[in-house]
Amino acid sequence: MEHIVTVQEAVTTVAPWLEPTDADLDAIELEMPVITAEVELLDVQIMTLDRPASELDERRIRRARRKVLAARRELANQAATTSVPGVGA
């Protein structure tokens, strides 16, 4: 029986400069409502994959799509009203 030995460093070790910056984390936090809404839409769509969609399923999908659109609209409005430092006059 042969033992498998790794030659490289463990995959889980990350160099400190590869960590997300505070700006990256802030951007993720800002987009979190959109991410959550898209995950909920995906969950609803997955529920209906193996069966015909009932009227209730169709309502759930429509509601989830509206929630995604509302979250995207809100994010776009926030981006439009937020001034970017160093850009513009």
N, C-alpha and C. Protein backbone atom coordinates (compact mmCIF):
# COMPACT_ATOMS: atom_id res chain seq x y z
N MET A 1 0.84 -1.17 0.00
CA MET A 1 0.00 0.00 0.00
C MET A 1 0.88 1.24 0.00
N GLU A 2 0.62 2.12 -0.95
CA GLU A 2 1.41 3.35 -1.06
C GLU A 2 0.66 4.49 -0.40
N HIS A 3 1.40 5.33 0.27
CA HIS A 3 0.81 6.51 0.89
C HIS A 3 0.91 7.69 -0.08
N ILE A 4 -0.13 8.46 -0.13
CA ILE A 4 -0.13 9.64 -0.97
C ILE A 4 0.38 10.81 -0.15
N VAL A 5 1.39 11.48 -0.66
CA VAL A 5 2.00 12.59 0.05
C VAL A 5 1.87 13.84 -0.83
N THR A 6 1.46 14.94 -0.22
CA THR A 6 1.35 16.18 -0.98
C THR A 6 2.70 16.85 -1.08
N VAL A 7 2.95 17.45 -2.21
CA VAL A 7 4.20 18.15 -2.45
C VAL A 7 4.01 19.65 -2.23
N GLN A 8 2.78 20.12 -2.42
CA GLN A 8 2.50 21.54 -2.29
C GLN A 8 1.94 21.84 -0.91
N GLU A 9 1.82 23.16 -0.65
CA GLU A 9 1.21 23.58 0.60
C GLU A 9 -0.28 23.24 0.59
N ALA A 10 -0.85 23.23 1.74
CA ALA A 10 -2.28 22.96 1.82
C ALA A 10 -3.08 24.00 1.06
N VAL A 11 -4.17 23.59 0.49
CA VAL A 11 -4.99 24.47 -0.32
C VAL A 11 -5.63 25.56 0.52
N THR A 12 -5.88 25.28 1.77
CA THR A 12 -6.59 26.23 2.61
C THR A 12 -5.72 27.39 3.10
N THR A 13 -4.42 27.27 2.96
CA THR A 13 -3.58 28.39 3.38
C THR A 13 -3.65 29.47 2.32
N VAL A 14 -3.89 30.68 2.77
CA VAL A 14 -4.04 31.81 1.86
C VAL A 14 -3.03 32.88 2.26
N ALA A 15 -2.38 33.42 1.27
CA ALA A 15 -1.44 34.49 1.54
C ALA A 15 -2.20 35.71 2.05
N PRO A 16 -1.64 36.45 2.97
CA PRO A 16 -2.35 37.59 3.55
C PRO A 16 -2.80 38.62 2.51
N TRP A 17 -2.04 38.79 1.43
CA TRP A 17 -2.40 39.79 0.43
C TRP A 17 -3.55 39.32 -0.46
N LEU A 18 -3.99 38.07 -0.33
CA LEU A 18 -5.12 37.56 -1.11
C LEU A 18 -6.44 37.68 -0.37
N GLU A 19 -6.40 38.15 0.85
CA GLU A 19 -7.62 38.34 1.62
C GLU A 19 -8.42 39.51 1.05
N PRO A 20 -9.75 39.46 1.17
CA PRO A 20 -10.55 40.59 0.68
C PRO A 20 -10.26 41.85 1.50
N THR A 21 -10.25 42.96 0.80
CA THR A 21 -10.02 44.24 1.47
C THR A 21 -11.32 44.72 2.12
N ASP A 22 -11.21 45.77 2.89
CA ASP A 22 -12.41 46.35 3.51
C ASP A 22 -13.38 46.84 2.43
N ALA A 23 -12.84 47.38 1.34
CA ALA A 23 -13.70 47.84 0.24
C ALA A 23 -14.44 46.66 -0.40
N ASP A 24 -13.75 45.53 -0.56
CA ASP A 24 -14.40 44.34 -1.11
C ASP A 24 -15.55 43.87 -0.20
N LEU A 25 -15.29 43.84 1.08
CA LEU A 25 -16.31 43.40 2.03
C LEU A 25 -17.49 44.37 2.06
N ASP A 26 -17.21 45.67 1.94
CA ASP A 26 -18.28 46.66 1.89
C ASP A 26 -19.14 46.48 0.64
N ALA A 27 -18.50 46.18 -0.49
CA ALA A 27 -19.24 45.96 -1.73
C ALA A 27 -20.12 44.72 -1.63
N ILE A 28 -19.61 43.67 -1.02
CA ILE A 28 -20.40 42.46 -0.83
C ILE A 28 -21.59 42.75 0.08
N GLU A 29 -21.35 43.49 1.14
CA GLU A 29 -22.43 43.85 2.08
C GLU A 29 -23.50 44.67 1.38
N LEU A 30 -23.08 45.56 0.49
CA LEU A 30 -24.03 46.40 -0.25
C LEU A 30 -24.89 45.55 -1.20
N GLU A 31 -24.29 44.52 -1.79
CA GLU A 31 -24.99 43.67 -2.75
C GLU A 31 -25.73 42.50 -2.10
N MET A 32 -25.63 42.34 -0.80
CA MET A 32 -26.22 41.19 -0.12
C MET A 32 -27.73 41.05 -0.31
N PRO A 33 -28.54 42.11 -0.32
CA PRO A 33 -29.97 41.92 -0.58
C PRO A 33 -30.25 41.33 -1.97
N VAL A 34 -29.45 41.72 -2.97
CA VAL A 34 -29.63 41.15 -4.31
C VAL A 34 -29.23 39.68 -4.31
N ILE A 35 -28.14 39.36 -3.66
CA ILE A 35 -27.67 37.98 -3.59
C ILE A 35 -28.70 37.10 -2.90
N THR A 36 -29.23 37.58 -1.80
CA THR A 36 -30.24 36.82 -1.05
C THR A 36 -31.50 36.60 -1.89
N ALA A 37 -31.95 37.64 -2.58
CA ALA A 37 -33.15 37.52 -3.42
C ALA A 37 -32.92 36.54 -4.57
N GLU A 38 -31.73 36.56 -5.17
CA GLU A 38 -31.45 35.64 -6.25
C GLU A 38 -31.38 34.20 -5.76
N VAL A 39 -30.86 33.98 -4.57
CA VAL A 39 -30.82 32.63 -3.99
C VAL A 39 -32.24 32.14 -3.72
N GLU A 40 -33.11 33.00 -3.22
CA GLU A 40 -34.50 32.62 -2.97
C GLU A 40 -35.21 32.27 -4.27
N LEU A 41 -34.96 33.04 -5.34
CA LEU A 41 -35.54 32.73 -6.64
C LEU A 41 -35.05 31.38 -7.14
N LEU A 42 -33.78 31.12 -6.99
CA LEU A 42 -33.22 29.84 -7.40
C LEU A 42 -33.84 28.69 -6.61
N ASP A 43 -34.04 28.87 -5.32
CA ASP A 43 -34.68 27.84 -4.50
C ASP A 43 -36.09 27.52 -5.00
N VAL A 44 -36.84 28.56 -5.33
CA VAL A 44 -38.21 28.36 -5.82
C VAL A 44 -38.19 27.64 -7.17
N GLN A 45 -37.25 28.02 -8.04
CA GLN A 45 -37.17 27.37 -9.33
C GLN A 45 -36.76 25.91 -9.20
N ILE A 46 -35.86 25.61 -8.28
CA ILE A 46 -35.44 24.23 -8.05
C ILE A 46 -36.60 23.37 -7.55
N MET A 47 -37.46 23.96 -6.71
CA MET A 47 -38.61 23.21 -6.19
C MET A 47 -39.52 22.71 -7.30
N THR A 48 -39.58 23.43 -8.41
CA THR A 48 -40.51 23.08 -9.47
C THR A 48 -39.87 22.29 -10.60
N LEU A 49 -38.63 21.87 -10.44
CA LEU A 49 -37.95 21.15 -11.52
C LEU A 49 -38.54 19.77 -11.80
N ASP A 50 -38.90 19.06 -10.78
CA ASP A 50 -39.31 17.67 -10.97
C ASP A 50 -40.82 17.46 -11.03
N ARG A 51 -41.57 18.54 -11.14
CA ARG A 51 -43.03 18.42 -11.22
C ARG A 51 -43.59 19.61 -11.97
N PRO A 52 -44.76 19.47 -12.49
CA PRO A 52 -45.39 20.63 -13.14
C PRO A 52 -45.67 21.72 -12.10
N ALA A 53 -45.49 22.95 -12.51
CA ALA A 53 -45.69 24.06 -11.59
C ALA A 53 -47.19 24.27 -11.34
N SER A 54 -47.56 24.30 -10.09
CA SER A 54 -48.94 24.57 -9.73
C SER A 54 -49.16 26.09 -9.72
N GLU A 55 -50.39 26.49 -9.50
CA GLU A 55 -50.68 27.92 -9.43
C GLU A 55 -49.92 28.58 -8.28
N LEU A 56 -49.82 27.87 -7.17
CA LEU A 56 -49.07 28.39 -6.03
C LEU A 56 -47.59 28.53 -6.37
N ASP A 57 -47.03 27.54 -7.08
CA ASP A 57 -45.63 27.62 -7.49
C ASP A 57 -45.39 28.82 -8.41
N GLU A 58 -46.32 29.04 -9.34
CA GLU A 58 -46.18 30.17 -10.25
C GLU A 58 -46.21 31.49 -9.49
N ARG A 59 -47.06 31.59 -8.47
CA ARG A 59 -47.09 32.80 -7.65
C ARG A 59 -45.79 32.99 -6.89
N ARG A 60 -45.24 31.88 -6.37
CA ARG A 60 -43.97 31.96 -5.64
C ARG A 60 -42.85 32.44 -6.56
N ILE A 61 -42.83 31.93 -7.80
CA ILE A 61 -41.81 32.34 -8.76
C ILE A 61 -41.96 33.82 -9.10
N ARG A 62 -43.20 34.25 -9.37
CA ARG A 62 -43.42 35.66 -9.68
C ARG A 62 -43.00 36.56 -8.52
N ARG A 63 -43.35 36.15 -7.31
CA ARG A 63 -43.00 36.94 -6.13
C ARG A 63 -41.48 37.01 -5.97
N ALA A 64 -40.81 35.89 -6.19
CA ALA A 64 -39.35 35.87 -6.06
C ALA A 64 -38.70 36.73 -7.14
N ARG A 65 -39.23 36.69 -8.37
CA ARG A 65 -38.69 37.53 -9.45
C ARG A 65 -38.88 39.01 -9.13
N ARG A 66 -40.05 39.36 -8.60
CA ARG A 66 -40.29 40.77 -8.23
C ARG A 66 -39.33 41.21 -7.13
N LYS A 67 -39.04 40.30 -6.20
CA LYS A 67 -38.13 40.62 -5.12
C LYS A 67 -36.71 40.86 -5.65
N VAL A 68 -36.30 40.05 -6.63
CA VAL A 68 -34.98 40.24 -7.25
C VAL A 68 -34.93 41.59 -7.96
N LEU A 69 -35.96 41.89 -8.74
CA LEU A 69 -35.99 43.15 -9.46
C LEU A 69 -35.98 44.35 -8.50
N ALA A 70 -36.72 44.25 -7.42
CA ALA A 70 -36.76 45.33 -6.44
C ALA A 70 -35.39 45.51 -5.78
N ALA A 71 -34.73 44.41 -5.46
CA ALA A 71 -33.40 44.51 -4.84
C ALA A 71 -32.39 45.11 -5.81
N ARG A 72 -32.48 44.70 -7.08
CA ARG A 72 -31.57 45.27 -8.09
C ARG A 72 -31.84 46.76 -8.29
N ARG A 73 -33.12 47.13 -8.32
CA ARG A 73 -33.47 48.54 -8.48
C ARG A 73 -32.93 49.35 -7.31
N GLU A 74 -33.10 48.84 -6.11
CA GLU A 74 -32.62 49.53 -4.92
C GLU A 74 -31.10 49.69 -4.96
N LEU A 75 -30.40 48.65 -5.39
CA LEU A 75 -28.94 48.73 -5.49
C LEU A 75 -28.52 49.75 -6.55
N ALA A 76 -29.22 49.76 -7.67
CA ALA A 76 -28.90 50.72 -8.73
C ALA A 76 -29.17 52.15 -8.26
N ASN A 77 -30.25 52.35 -7.53
CA ASN A 77 -30.55 53.68 -7.01
C ASN A 77 -29.52 54.13 -5.99
N GLN A 78 -29.06 53.20 -5.15
CA GLN A 78 -28.02 53.55 -4.19
C GLN A 78 -26.73 53.92 -4.90
N ALA A 79 -26.38 53.19 -5.94
CA ALA A 79 -25.16 53.45 -6.69
C ALA A 79 -25.25 54.79 -7.41
N ALA A 80 -26.45 55.13 -7.88
CA ALA A 80 -26.62 56.39 -8.61
C ALA A 80 -26.54 57.59 -7.67
N THR A 81 -26.98 57.44 -6.44
CA THR A 81 -26.98 58.57 -5.51
C THR A 81 -25.68 58.67 -4.72
N THR A 82 -24.88 57.61 -4.71
CA THR A 82 -23.63 57.62 -3.98
C THR A 82 -22.55 58.21 -4.87
N SER A 83 -21.85 59.20 -4.35
CA SER A 83 -20.77 59.79 -5.13
C SER A 83 -19.51 58.98 -4.92
N VAL A 84 -18.77 58.81 -5.98
CA VAL A 84 -17.51 58.08 -5.93
C VAL A 84 -16.39 59.07 -5.71
N PRO A 85 -15.58 58.88 -4.67
CA PRO A 85 -14.49 59.82 -4.39
C PRO A 85 -13.49 59.89 -5.56
N GLY A 86 -13.12 61.10 -5.94
CA GLY A 86 -12.14 61.27 -6.99
C GLY A 86 -12.71 61.26 -8.39
N VAL A 87 -14.03 61.07 -8.53
CA VAL A 87 -14.65 61.03 -9.85
C VAL A 87 -15.60 62.21 -9.97
N GLY A 88 -15.58 62.86 -11.09
CA GLY A 88 -16.50 63.97 -11.32
C GLY A 88 -15.98 65.26 -10.70
N ALA A 89 -16.84 66.27 -10.79
CA ALA A 89 -16.42 67.57 -10.28
C ALA A 89 -17.22 67.97 -9.07
